Amino acid sequence: MYFKTNKMKTKIICLTLLSAVTLNACKKVDNPKDIEAVKKVIINDGEARQNHDYELIKKCWANESYIVHFWATKYNCSLDRGWDKIDAAYRQPREYGFNKTTNVVRDNINVHVNGNGAFADFDLHLYDTEDTVEAKANAALEKINGEWKMVHLNVIDESSIKNVDDGWPF
């Protein structure tokens, strides 16, 4: 009888631990609160760029050496690596790019969260009196000290992609 009771206790303890681990893991994947927080960072980043709000940009991005921002249009492309480079660019008044009259819209935001990492893809629209830009974007975010921060942003202007028969877009 002692053997059966001890074996039963072991099974109960194992099932309890397995349930606790499973429930804890499920909380970290695609948590609705985290998804909304990630979307808010993506929207805030767009508003900060539109309004040339350096403090908001600084709050949206991880101020780390490993972050990356890549963009490409039919005219140009750029890869900025590290907070120092991004910081220097956004501290200066903007004389190029979109201005305060440009309507910046980020929509169709899809987010996947897993633990302290998140991936998002979205559509980016720049409506200006002179031109309209339609782009696709994706971002990686990291939860640092309880706050979501962008660590990677990739933006491709749809007009920069060529339709060719061999499948290569460039």
Protein backbone atom coordinates (compact mmCIF):
# COMPACT_ATOMS: atom_id res chain seq x y z
CA MET A 1 0.00 0.00 0.00
CA TYR A 2 2.83 2.40 0.81
CA PHE A 3 4.27 1.88 -2.68
CA LYS A 4 1.00 2.73 -4.44
CA THR A 5 0.48 5.90 -2.40
CA ASN A 6 4.04 7.09 -3.04
CA LYS A 7 3.66 6.35 -6.76
CA MET A 8 0.37 8.24 -6.84
CA LYS A 9 1.96 11.25 -5.08
CA THR A 10 4.74 11.26 -7.66
CA LYS A 11 2.21 11.22 -10.51
CA ILE A 12 0.19 14.04 -8.96
CA ILE A 13 3.32 16.14 -8.43
CA CYS A 14 4.47 15.51 -12.02
CA LEU A 15 1.05 16.39 -13.46
CA THR A 16 0.87 19.53 -11.32
CA LEU A 17 4.32 20.66 -12.47
CA LEU A 18 3.51 19.86 -16.10
CA SER A 19 0.25 21.83 -15.84
CA ALA A 20 2.01 24.80 -14.27
CA VAL A 21 4.70 24.85 -16.96
CA THR A 22 2.13 24.50 -19.73
CA LEU A 23 -0.07 27.27 -18.36
CA ASN A 24 2.92 29.56 -17.90
CA ALA A 25 4.11 28.92 -21.46
CA CYS A 26 0.64 29.57 -22.89
CA LYS A 27 0.47 32.96 -21.19
CA LYS A 28 3.58 34.15 -22.99
CA VAL A 29 2.48 33.28 -26.54
CA ASP A 30 0.21 35.79 -28.28
CA ASN A 31 -1.00 37.41 -25.07
CA PRO A 32 -3.62 40.00 -26.15
CA LYS A 33 -2.17 42.68 -23.84
CA ASP A 34 1.29 42.19 -25.34
CA ILE A 35 -0.12 42.25 -28.88
CA GLU A 36 -1.84 45.59 -28.20
CA ALA A 37 1.33 46.98 -26.58
CA VAL A 38 3.38 45.97 -29.65
CA LYS A 39 0.84 47.58 -31.99
CA LYS A 40 1.02 50.75 -29.91
CA VAL A 41 4.82 50.91 -30.31
CA ILE A 42 4.47 50.47 -34.09
CA ILE A 43 1.84 53.23 -34.31
CA ASN A 44 3.88 55.51 -32.00
CA ASP A 45 6.99 55.03 -34.15
CA GLY A 46 5.03 56.23 -37.19
CA GLU A 47 3.62 59.23 -35.32
CA ALA A 48 7.08 60.11 -33.99
CA ARG A 49 8.50 60.09 -37.52
CA GLN A 50 5.63 62.17 -38.86
CA ASN A 51 5.94 64.75 -36.11
CA HIS A 52 9.75 64.64 -35.88
CA ASP A 53 9.35 63.70 -32.20
CA TYR A 54 12.82 62.60 -31.12
CA GLU A 55 11.79 61.71 -27.56
CA LEU A 56 9.05 59.38 -28.81
CA ILE A 57 11.44 57.73 -31.31
CA LYS A 58 13.90 57.20 -28.47
CA LYS A 59 11.16 55.62 -26.35
CA CYS A 60 10.00 53.30 -29.18
CA TRP A 61 13.45 51.87 -29.96
CA ALA A 62 15.83 49.78 -27.88
CA ASN A 63 18.81 52.05 -27.39
CA GLU A 64 21.23 49.20 -28.16
CA SER A 65 24.08 48.52 -30.57
CA TYR A 66 22.34 45.50 -32.15
CA ILE A 67 19.26 47.25 -33.53
CA VAL A 68 18.76 47.57 -37.31
CA HIS A 69 16.61 49.78 -39.53
CA PHE A 70 16.50 48.95 -43.26
CA TRP A 71 14.44 50.69 -45.92
CA ALA A 72 14.30 50.63 -49.70
CA THR A 73 12.50 52.75 -52.28
CA LYS A 74 12.81 52.87 -56.06
CA TYR A 75 15.28 55.73 -55.59
CA ASN A 76 17.47 54.64 -52.69
CA CYS A 77 18.00 52.28 -49.77
CA SER A 78 19.71 52.42 -46.41
CA LEU A 79 20.77 50.19 -43.55
CA ASP A 80 21.29 51.82 -40.19
CA ARG A 81 22.82 49.55 -37.55
CA GLY A 82 23.01 50.48 -33.89
CA TRP A 83 21.29 53.08 -31.75
CA ASP A 84 24.16 55.56 -32.14
CA LYS A 85 23.56 55.84 -35.89
CA ILE A 86 19.77 55.98 -35.61
CA ASP A 87 20.02 58.43 -32.72
CA ALA A 88 22.27 60.77 -34.71
CA ALA A 89 19.86 60.73 -37.65
CA TYR A 90 16.80 61.57 -35.57
CA ARG A 91 18.42 64.24 -33.41
CA GLN A 92 18.84 66.40 -36.53
CA PRO A 93 15.94 68.39 -37.92
CA ARG A 94 14.53 66.59 -40.94
CA GLU A 95 14.93 68.25 -44.30
CA TYR A 96 13.96 65.20 -46.31
CA GLY A 97 11.44 62.40 -46.17
CA PHE A 98 7.86 63.04 -45.20
CA ASN A 99 6.82 66.14 -43.35
CA LYS A 100 4.09 67.10 -40.92
CA THR A 101 1.55 67.44 -43.73
CA THR A 102 2.16 63.84 -44.80
CA ASN A 103 -0.49 61.49 -43.49
CA VAL A 104 1.32 58.38 -42.22
CA VAL A 105 -0.90 55.33 -41.82
CA ARG A 106 0.19 51.95 -40.51
CA ASP A 107 -2.54 49.35 -40.77
CA ASN A 108 -3.23 45.64 -41.21
CA ILE A 109 -0.84 45.06 -38.30
CA ASN A 110 -0.29 41.36 -37.56
CA VAL A 111 1.61 40.48 -34.39
CA HIS A 112 3.05 37.27 -32.99
CA VAL A 113 4.43 37.34 -29.45
CA ASN A 114 6.53 34.62 -27.88
CA GLY A 115 8.04 35.39 -24.49
CA ASN A 116 10.11 38.58 -24.65
CA GLY A 117 10.19 38.63 -28.45
CA ALA A 118 7.60 39.78 -30.97
CA PHE A 119 7.33 39.90 -34.75
CA ALA A 120 4.96 42.18 -36.63
CA ASP A 121 4.18 42.85 -40.26
CA PHE A 122 2.06 45.70 -41.52
CA ASP A 123 1.18 47.99 -44.41
CA LEU A 124 2.63 51.48 -44.46
CA HIS A 125 0.96 54.28 -46.41
CA LEU A 126 2.38 57.78 -46.86
CA TYR A 127 -0.21 60.14 -48.28
CA ASP A 128 1.27 63.44 -49.36
CA THR A 129 0.14 66.24 -51.65
CA GLU A 130 3.04 65.41 -54.01
CA ASP A 131 3.12 61.60 -53.87
CA THR A 132 1.70 58.49 -52.28
CA VAL A 133 3.91 55.67 -51.06
CA GLU A 134 2.59 52.19 -50.44
CA ALA A 135 5.00 49.96 -48.54
CA LYS A 136 5.24 46.65 -46.72
CA ALA A 137 7.04 46.52 -43.41
CA ASN A 138 8.04 44.08 -40.73
CA ALA A 139 9.44 44.68 -37.29
CA ALA A 140 11.00 42.71 -34.48
CA LEU A 141 10.49 43.89 -30.94
CA GLU A 142 12.00 42.91 -27.63
CA LYS A 143 10.49 43.29 -24.18
CA ILE A 144 13.08 45.17 -22.13
CA ASN A 145 12.37 45.97 -18.48
CA GLY A 146 8.68 45.30 -19.09
CA GLU A 147 8.37 47.59 -22.14
CA TRP A 148 8.23 46.63 -25.81
CA LYS A 149 11.00 48.21 -27.90
CA MET A 150 11.73 47.96 -31.61
CA VAL A 151 15.01 46.23 -32.46
CA HIS A 152 14.51 45.79 -36.20
CA LEU A 153 12.43 47.57 -38.82
CA ASN A 154 12.39 46.66 -42.50
CA VAL A 155 10.39 48.83 -44.93
CA ILE A 156 10.11 48.15 -48.67
CA ASP A 157 8.35 50.60 -50.96
CA GLU A 158 6.16 48.49 -53.25
CA SER A 159 7.21 50.57 -56.26
CA SER A 160 10.82 49.43 -55.70
CA ILE A 161 9.90 45.85 -56.49
CA LYS A 162 10.03 44.94 -60.17
CA ASN A 163 7.82 42.24 -61.63
CA VAL A 164 10.06 39.98 -63.67
CA ASP A 165 9.63 36.57 -65.19
CA ASP A 166 12.46 34.86 -63.30
CA GLY A 167 11.01 35.66 -59.88
CA TRP A 168 13.85 37.91 -58.75
CA PRO A 169 12.41 41.28 -57.69
CA PHE A 170 15.52 43.41 -58.34
